[in-house]
Amino acid sequence: MWTSSSAGFWRLFGYISGQNSAEMKINMTAPVTMSQNGSSAAFAMRFFVPSELASPPQPSNSQVQLVSESRDRVAVIE
């Protein structure tokens, strides 16, 4: 899990640091979530793009994907 989370974090960090089609820096958001992909040993890490960014730029890394989800209200405990 540590290897997957570290690799996933750095891919996402690259995206928000400007490795995207607009070379745009994007503020890091919370929460960052991680989940196991089905029964495999692979994990998916995700963060949420700020709502002010209506049309986020496409990632330069093919292992980073933009996924649209319905709006939810969540609470985060540190």
PDB file of N, CA and C in Angstrom:
ATOM      1  N   MET A   1       0.823  -1.191   0.000  1.00  0.00           N
ATOM      2  CA  MET A   1       0.000   0.000   0.000  1.00  0.00           C
ATOM      3  C   MET A   1       0.871   1.261   0.000  1.00  0.00           C
ATOM      4  N   TRP A   2       1.973   1.252   0.734  1.00  0.00           N
ATOM      5  CA  TRP A   2       2.844   2.426   0.808  1.00  0.00           C
ATOM      6  C   TRP A   2       3.373   2.804  -0.574  1.00  0.00           C
ATOM      7  N   THR A   3       3.796   1.818  -1.359  1.00  0.00           N
ATOM      8  CA  THR A   3       4.319   2.085  -2.695  1.00  0.00           C
ATOM      9  C   THR A   3       3.246   2.700  -3.577  1.00  0.00           C
ATOM     10  N   SER A   4       2.038   2.133  -3.542  1.00  0.00           N
ATOM     11  CA  SER A   4       0.932   2.667  -4.334  1.00  0.00           C
ATOM     12  C   SER A   4       0.577   4.085  -3.919  1.00  0.00           C
ATOM     13  N   SER A   5       0.514   4.336  -2.614  1.00  0.00           N
ATOM     14  CA  SER A   5       0.121   5.666  -2.155  1.00  0.00           C
ATOM     15  C   SER A   5       1.186   6.695  -2.501  1.00  0.00           C
ATOM     16  N   SER A   6       2.444   6.334  -2.387  1.00  0.00           N
ATOM     17  CA  SER A   6       3.520   7.265  -2.716  1.00  0.00           C
ATOM     18  C   SER A   6       3.518   7.584  -4.206  1.00  0.00           C
ATOM     19  N   ALA A   7       3.411   6.567  -5.050  1.00  0.00           N
ATOM     20  CA  ALA A   7       3.393   6.780  -6.498  1.00  0.00           C
ATOM     21  C   ALA A   7       2.169   7.598  -6.897  1.00  0.00           C
ATOM     22  N   GLY A   8       1.015   7.265  -6.344  1.00  0.00           N
ATOM     23  CA  GLY A   8      -0.210   8.001  -6.658  1.00  0.00           C
ATOM     24  C   GLY A   8      -0.124   9.454  -6.240  1.00  0.00           C
ATOM     25  N   PHE A   9       0.416   9.690  -5.054  1.00  0.00           N
ATOM     26  CA  PHE A   9       0.548  11.070  -4.577  1.00  0.00           C
ATOM     27  C   PHE A   9       1.406  11.884  -5.525  1.00  0.00           C
ATOM     28  N   TRP A  10       2.549  11.350  -5.928  1.00  0.00           N
ATOM     29  CA  TRP A  10       3.456  12.118  -6.787  1.00  0.00           C
ATOM     30  C   TRP A  10       2.872  12.355  -8.170  1.00  0.00           C
ATOM     31  N   ARG A  11       2.069  11.414  -8.688  1.00  0.00           N
ATOM     32  CA  ARG A  11       1.390  11.655  -9.969  1.00  0.00           C
ATOM     33  C   ARG A  11       0.394  12.805  -9.832  1.00  0.00           C
ATOM     34  N   LEU A  12      -0.405  12.770  -8.763  1.00  0.00           N
ATOM     35  CA  LEU A  12      -1.370  13.843  -8.544  1.00  0.00           C
ATOM     36  C   LEU A  12      -0.677  15.172  -8.269  1.00  0.00           C
ATOM     37  N   PHE A  13       0.408  15.125  -7.514  1.00  0.00           N
ATOM     38  CA  PHE A  13       1.160  16.345  -7.221  1.00  0.00           C
ATOM     39  C   PHE A  13       1.701  16.948  -8.519  1.00  0.00           C
ATOM     40  N   GLY A  14       2.171  16.091  -9.431  1.00  0.00           N
ATOM     41  CA  GLY A  14       2.639  16.577 -10.725  1.00  0.00           C
ATOM     42  C   GLY A  14       1.527  17.298 -11.470  1.00  0.00           C
ATOM     43  N   TYR A  15       0.327  16.708 -11.467  1.00  0.00           N
ATOM     44  CA  TYR A  15      -0.822  17.314 -12.146  1.00  0.00           C
ATOM     45  C   TYR A  15      -1.118  18.700 -11.585  1.00  0.00           C
ATOM     46  N   ILE A  16      -1.212  18.821 -10.259  1.00  0.00           N
ATOM     47  CA  ILE A  16      -1.557  20.128  -9.684  1.00  0.00           C
ATOM     48  C   ILE A  16      -0.391  21.106  -9.716  1.00  0.00           C
ATOM     49  N   SER A  17       0.821  20.604  -9.984  1.00  0.00           N
ATOM     50  CA  SER A  17       1.995  21.475 -10.084  1.00  0.00           C
ATOM     51  C   SER A  17       2.214  21.992 -11.496  1.00  0.00           C
ATOM     52  N   GLY A  18       1.334  21.614 -12.431  1.00  0.00           N
ATOM     53  CA  GLY A  18       1.446  22.155 -13.775  1.00  0.00           C
ATOM     54  C   GLY A  18       1.676  21.142 -14.870  1.00  0.00           C
ATOM     55  N   GLN A  19       1.735  19.849 -14.525  1.00  0.00           N
ATOM     56  CA  GLN A  19       1.881  18.827 -15.560  1.00  0.00           C
ATOM     57  C   GLN A  19       0.500  18.502 -16.118  1.00  0.00           C
ATOM     58  N   ASN A  20      -0.050  19.466 -16.836  1.00  0.00           N
ATOM     59  CA  ASN A  20      -1.368  19.334 -17.435  1.00  0.00           C
ATOM     60  C   ASN A  20      -1.406  20.150 -18.722  1.00  0.00           C
ATOM     61  N   SER A  21      -2.466  20.021 -19.487  1.00  0.00           N
ATOM     62  CA  SER A  21      -2.541  20.639 -20.810  1.00  0.00           C
ATOM     63  C   SER A  21      -2.423  22.161 -20.783  1.00  0.00           C
ATOM     64  N   ALA A  22      -2.791  22.791 -19.693  1.00  0.00           N
ATOM     65  CA  ALA A  22      -2.710  24.251 -19.583  1.00  0.00           C
ATOM     66  C   ALA A  22      -1.462  24.707 -18.842  1.00  0.00           C
ATOM     67  N   GLU A  23      -0.650  23.751 -18.376  1.00  0.00           N
ATOM     68  CA  GLU A  23       0.508  24.059 -17.532  1.00  0.00           C
ATOM     69  C   GLU A  23       0.089  24.955 -16.368  1.00  0.00           C
ATOM     70  N   MET A  24      -1.100  24.666 -15.836  1.00  0.00           N
ATOM     71  CA  MET A  24      -1.710  25.453 -14.768  1.00  0.00           C
ATOM     72  C   MET A  24      -1.424  24.827 -13.408  1.00  0.00           C
ATOM     73  N   LYS A  25      -1.054  25.662 -12.432  1.00  0.00           N
ATOM     74  CA  LYS A  25      -0.931  25.181 -11.062  1.00  0.00           C
ATOM     75  C   LYS A  25      -2.313  25.243 -10.418  1.00  0.00           C
ATOM     76  N   ILE A  26      -2.647  24.193  -9.684  1.00  0.00           N
ATOM     77  CA  ILE A  26      -3.958  24.065  -9.047  1.00  0.00           C
ATOM     78  C   ILE A  26      -3.740  23.898  -7.554  1.00  0.00           C
ATOM     79  N   ASN A  27      -4.510  24.617  -6.740  1.00  0.00           N
ATOM     80  CA  ASN A  27      -4.371  24.496  -5.287  1.00  0.00           C
ATOM     81  C   ASN A  27      -4.677  23.075  -4.835  1.00  0.00           C
ATOM     82  N   MET A  28      -3.865  22.571  -3.905  1.00  0.00           N
ATOM     83  CA  MET A  28      -4.117  21.250  -3.338  1.00  0.00           C
ATOM     84  C   MET A  28      -5.362  21.338  -2.464  1.00  0.00           C
ATOM     85  N   THR A  29      -6.178  20.311  -2.525  1.00  0.00           N
ATOM     86  CA  THR A  29      -7.422  20.300  -1.761  1.00  0.00           C
ATOM     87  C   THR A  29      -7.440  19.160  -0.756  1.00  0.00           C
ATOM     88  N   ALA A  30      -8.376  19.226   0.149  1.00  0.00           N
ATOM     89  CA  ALA A  30      -8.624  18.138   1.080  1.00  0.00           C
ATOM     90  C   ALA A  30     -10.088  17.781   0.934  1.00  0.00           C
ATOM     91  N   PRO A  31     -10.500  16.594   1.101  1.00  0.00           N
ATOM     92  CA  PRO A  31      -9.656  15.472   1.491  1.00  0.00           C
ATOM     93  C   PRO A  31      -8.968  14.835   0.294  1.00  0.00           C
ATOM     94  N   VAL A  32      -7.932  14.088   0.589  1.00  0.00           N
ATOM     95  CA  VAL A  32      -7.320  13.179  -0.371  1.00  0.00           C
ATOM     96  C   VAL A  32      -7.783  11.798   0.061  1.00  0.00           C
ATOM     97  N   THR A  33      -8.302  11.008  -0.858  1.00  0.00           N
ATOM     98  CA  THR A  33      -8.797   9.685  -0.497  1.00  0.00           C
ATOM     99  C   THR A  33      -8.022   8.610  -1.226  1.00  0.00           C
ATOM    100  N   MET A  34      -8.054   7.419  -0.675  1.00  0.00           N
ATOM    101  CA  MET A  34      -7.395   6.281  -1.277  1.00  0.00           C
ATOM    102  C   MET A  34      -8.303   5.077  -1.103  1.00  0.00           C
ATOM    103  N   SER A  35      -8.450   4.298  -2.182  1.00  0.00           N
ATOM    104  CA  SER A  35      -9.286   3.106  -2.103  1.00  0.00           C
ATOM    105  C   SER A  35      -8.655   1.984  -2.907  1.00  0.00           C
ATOM    106  N   GLN A  36      -8.962   0.766  -2.511  1.00  0.00           N
ATOM    107  CA  GLN A  36      -8.449  -0.409  -3.213  1.00  0.00           C
ATOM    108  C   GLN A  36      -9.315  -0.661  -4.443  1.00  0.00           C
ATOM    109  N   ASN A  37      -8.687  -1.000  -5.562  1.00  0.00           N
ATOM    110  CA  ASN A  37      -9.402  -1.277  -6.813  1.00  0.00           C
ATOM    111  C   ASN A  37      -9.894  -2.716  -6.819  1.00  0.00           C
ATOM    112  N   GLY A  38     -11.123  -2.924  -6.402  1.00  0.00           N
ATOM    113  CA  GLY A  38     -11.712  -4.270  -6.402  1.00  0.00           C
ATOM    114  C   GLY A  38     -10.907  -5.243  -5.568  1.00  0.00           C
ATOM    115  N   SER A  39     -10.686  -6.443  -6.100  1.00  0.00           N
ATOM    116  CA  SER A  39      -9.961  -7.475  -5.361  1.00  0.00           C
ATOM    117  C   SER A  39      -8.467  -7.462  -5.676  1.00  0.00           C
ATOM    118  N   SER A  40      -8.019  -6.523  -6.515  1.00  0.00           N
ATOM    119  CA  SER A  40      -6.594  -6.477  -6.863  1.00  0.00           C
ATOM    120  C   SER A  40      -5.803  -5.803  -5.745  1.00  0.00           C
ATOM    121  N   ALA A  41      -4.493  -5.830  -5.884  1.00  0.00           N
ATOM    122  CA  ALA A  41      -3.634  -5.188  -4.900  1.00  0.00           C
ATOM    123  C   ALA A  41      -3.395  -3.720  -5.243  1.00  0.00           C
ATOM    124  N   ALA A  42      -4.007  -3.231  -6.320  1.00  0.00           N
ATOM    125  CA  ALA A  42      -3.817  -1.851  -6.757  1.00  0.00           C
ATOM    126  C   ALA A  42      -4.718  -0.905  -5.962  1.00  0.00           C
ATOM    127  N   PHE A  43      -4.242   0.306  -5.779  1.00  0.00           N
ATOM    128  CA  PHE A  43      -4.986   1.327  -5.056  1.00  0.00           C
ATOM    129  C   PHE A  43      -5.163   2.542  -5.943  1.00  0.00           C
ATOM    130  N   ALA A  44      -6.231   3.269  -5.729  1.00  0.00           N
ATOM    131  CA  ALA A  44      -6.476   4.528  -6.427  1.00  0.00           C
ATOM    132  C   ALA A  44      -6.436   5.654  -5.406  1.00  0.00           C
ATOM    133  N   MET A  45      -5.726   6.711  -5.740  1.00  0.00           N
ATOM    134  CA  MET A  45      -5.683   7.894  -4.880  1.00  0.00           C
ATOM    135  C   MET A  45      -6.386   9.013  -5.632  1.00  0.00           C
ATOM    136  N   ARG A  46      -7.157   9.817  -4.906  1.00  0.00           N
ATOM    137  CA  ARG A  46      -7.840  10.923  -5.565  1.00  0.00           C
ATOM    138  C   ARG A  46      -7.870  12.148  -4.664  1.00  0.00           C
ATOM    139  N   PHE A  47      -7.922  13.277  -5.319  1.00  0.00           N
ATOM    140  CA  PHE A  47      -8.192  14.514  -4.615  1.00  0.00           C
ATOM    141  C   PHE A  47      -9.264  15.240  -5.401  1.00  0.00           C
ATOM    142  N   PHE A  48      -9.818  16.268  -4.828  1.00  0.00           N
ATOM    143  CA  PHE A  48     -10.963  16.934  -5.405  1.00  0.00           C
ATOM    144  C   PHE A  48     -10.551  18.309  -5.900  1.00  0.00           C
ATOM    145  N   VAL A  49     -10.850  18.587  -7.155  1.00  0.00           N
ATOM    146  CA  VAL A  49     -10.506  19.866  -7.765  1.00  0.00           C
ATOM    147  C   VAL A  49     -11.429  20.936  -7.189  1.00  0.00           C
ATOM    148  N   PRO A  50     -10.893  22.114  -6.870  1.00  0.00           N
ATOM    149  CA  PRO A  50     -11.739  23.174  -6.308  1.00  0.00           C
ATOM    150  C   PRO A  50     -12.917  23.494  -7.238  1.00  0.00           C
ATOM    151  N   SER A  51     -14.073  23.755  -6.669  1.00  0.00           N
ATOM    152  CA  SER A  51     -15.276  23.992  -7.459  1.00  0.00           C
ATOM    153  C   SER A  51     -15.163  25.249  -8.322  1.00  0.00           C
ATOM    154  N   GLU A  52     -14.283  26.176  -7.968  1.00  0.00           N
ATOM    155  CA  GLU A  52     -14.098  27.384  -8.769  1.00  0.00           C
ATOM    156  C   GLU A  52     -13.496  27.057 -10.137  1.00  0.00           C
ATOM    157  N   LEU A  53     -12.869  25.907 -10.249  1.00  0.00           N
ATOM    158  CA  LEU A  53     -12.240  25.483 -11.496  1.00  0.00           C
ATOM    159  C   LEU A  53     -13.256  24.667 -12.291  1.00  0.00           C
ATOM    160  N   ALA A  54     -14.101  25.354 -13.042  1.00  0.00           N
ATOM    161  CA  ALA A  54     -15.221  24.714 -13.739  1.00  0.00           C
ATOM    162  C   ALA A  54     -14.760  23.689 -14.777  1.00  0.00           C
ATOM    163  N   SER A  55     -13.651  23.952 -15.442  1.00  0.00           N
ATOM    164  CA  SER A  55     -13.168  23.048 -16.481  1.00  0.00           C
ATOM    165  C   SER A  55     -11.682  22.767 -16.247  1.00  0.00           C
ATOM    166  N   PRO A  56     -11.358  21.762 -15.435  1.00  0.00           N
ATOM    167  CA  PRO A  56      -9.956  21.484 -15.128  1.00  0.00           C
ATOM    168  C   PRO A  56      -9.183  21.037 -16.371  1.00  0.00           C
ATOM    169  N   PRO A  57      -7.901  21.397 -16.468  1.00  0.00           N
ATOM    170  CA  PRO A  57      -7.103  21.001 -17.625  1.00  0.00           C
ATOM    171  C   PRO A  57      -6.863  19.493 -17.654  1.00  0.00           C
ATOM    172  N   GLN A  58      -6.652  18.956 -18.834  1.00  0.00           N
ATOM    173  CA  GLN A  58      -6.380  17.531 -18.997  1.00  0.00           C
ATOM    174  C   GLN A  58      -4.993  17.199 -18.444  1.00  0.00           C
ATOM    175  N   PRO A  59      -4.848  16.067 -17.770  1.00  0.00           N
ATOM    176  CA  PRO A  59      -3.541  15.655 -17.247  1.00  0.00           C
ATOM    177  C   PRO A  59      -2.573  15.312 -18.387  1.00  0.00           C
ATOM    178  N   SER A  60      -1.291  15.580 -18.183  1.00  0.00           N
ATOM    179  CA  SER A  60      -0.252  15.181 -19.142  1.00  0.00           C
ATOM    180  C   SER A  60       0.120  13.720 -18.951  1.00  0.00           C
ATOM    181  N   ASN A  61      -0.026  13.210 -17.744  1.00  0.00           N
ATOM    182  CA  ASN A  61       0.296  11.822 -17.414  1.00  0.00           C
ATOM    183  C   ASN A  61      -0.941  10.954 -17.666  1.00  0.00           C
ATOM    184  N   SER A  62      -0.792   9.931 -18.497  1.00  0.00           N
ATOM    185  CA  SER A  62      -1.937   9.074 -18.832  1.00  0.00           C
ATOM    186  C   SER A  62      -2.444   8.265 -17.636  1.00  0.00           C
ATOM    187  N   GLN A  63      -1.680   8.202 -16.552  1.00  0.00           N
ATOM    188  CA  GLN A  63      -2.123   7.474 -15.367  1.00  0.00           C
ATOM    189  C   GLN A  63      -2.956   8.339 -14.429  1.00  0.00           C
ATOM    190  N   VAL A  64      -3.112   9.617 -14.773  1.00  0.00           N
ATOM    191  CA  VAL A  64      -3.965  10.525 -14.009  1.00  0.00           C
ATOM    192  C   VAL A  64      -5.226  10.739 -14.832  1.00  0.00           C
ATOM    193  N   GLN A  65      -6.371  10.563 -14.211  1.00  0.00           N
ATOM    194  CA  GLN A  65      -7.649  10.695 -14.917  1.00  0.00           C
ATOM    195  C   GLN A  65      -8.542  11.697 -14.207  1.00  0.00           C
ATOM    196  N   LEU A  66      -9.305  12.435 -14.991  1.00  0.00           N
ATOM    197  CA  LEU A  66     -10.326  13.308 -14.430  1.00  0.00           C
ATOM    198  C   LEU A  66     -11.636  12.543 -14.424  1.00  0.00           C
ATOM    199  N   VAL A  67     -12.308  12.546 -13.291  1.00  0.00           N
ATOM    200  CA  VAL A  67     -13.578  11.837 -13.149  1.00  0.00           C
ATOM    201  C   VAL A  67     -14.586  12.818 -12.563  1.00  0.00           C
ATOM    202  N   SER A  68     -15.738  12.911 -13.187  1.00  0.00           N
ATOM    203  CA  SER A  68     -16.791  13.782 -12.692  1.00  0.00           C
ATOM    204  C   SER A  68     -17.703  12.975 -11.771  1.00  0.00           C
ATOM    205  N   GLU A  69     -17.996  13.543 -10.602  1.00  0.00           N
ATOM    206  CA  GLU A  69     -18.880  12.878  -9.649  1.00  0.00           C
ATOM    207  C   GLU A  69     -19.938  13.855  -9.193  1.00  0.00           C
ATOM    208  N   SER A  70     -21.028  13.315  -8.695  1.00  0.00           N
ATOM    209  CA  SER A  70     -22.082  14.190  -8.170  1.00  0.00           C
ATOM    210  C   SER A  70     -21.575  14.892  -6.915  1.00  0.00           C
ATOM    211  N   ARG A  71     -22.171  16.009  -6.638  1.00  0.00           N
ATOM    212  CA  ARG A  71     -21.764  16.761  -5.446  1.00  0.00           C
ATOM    213  C   ARG A  71     -22.271  16.067  -4.192  1.00  0.00           C
ATOM    214  N   ASP A  72     -21.411  16.010  -3.212  1.00  0.00           N
ATOM    215  CA  ASP A  72     -21.772  15.458  -1.910  1.00  0.00           C
ATOM    216  C   ASP A  72     -21.325  16.439  -0.846  1.00  0.00           C
ATOM    217  N   ARG A  73     -21.944  16.335   0.286  1.00  0.00           N
ATOM    218  CA  ARG A  73     -21.510  17.116   1.434  1.00  0.00           C
ATOM    219  C   ARG A  73     -20.774  16.154   2.354  1.00  0.00           C
ATOM    220  N   VAL A  74     -19.548  16.491   2.723  1.00  0.00           N
ATOM    221  CA  VAL A  74     -18.750  15.601   3.543  1.00  0.00           C
ATOM    222  C   VAL A  74     -18.159  16.337   4.734  1.00  0.00           C
ATOM    223  N   ALA A  75     -17.791  15.589   5.738  1.00  0.00           N
ATOM    224  CA  ALA A  75     -17.095  16.127   6.903  1.00  0.00           C
ATOM    225  C   ALA A  75     -15.759  15.407   7.004  1.00  0.00           C
ATOM    226  N   VAL A  76     -14.740  16.108   7.426  1.00  0.00           N
ATOM    227  CA  VAL A  76     -13.414  15.539   7.536  1.00  0.00           C
ATOM    228  C   VAL A  76     -12.933  15.686   8.972  1.00  0.00           C
ATOM    229  N   ILE A  77     -12.412  14.599   9.515  1.00  0.00           N
ATOM    230  CA  ILE A  77     -11.841  14.614  10.860  1.00  0.00           C
ATOM    231  C   ILE A  77     -10.335  14.409  10.734  1.00  0.00           C
ATOM    232  N   GLU A  78      -9.587  15.275  11.355  1.00  0.00           N
ATOM    233  CA  GLU A  78      -8.140  15.182  11.297  1.00  0.00           C
ATOM    234  C   GLU A  78      -7.604  14.244  12.340  1.00  0.00           C
TER     235      GLU A  78
END
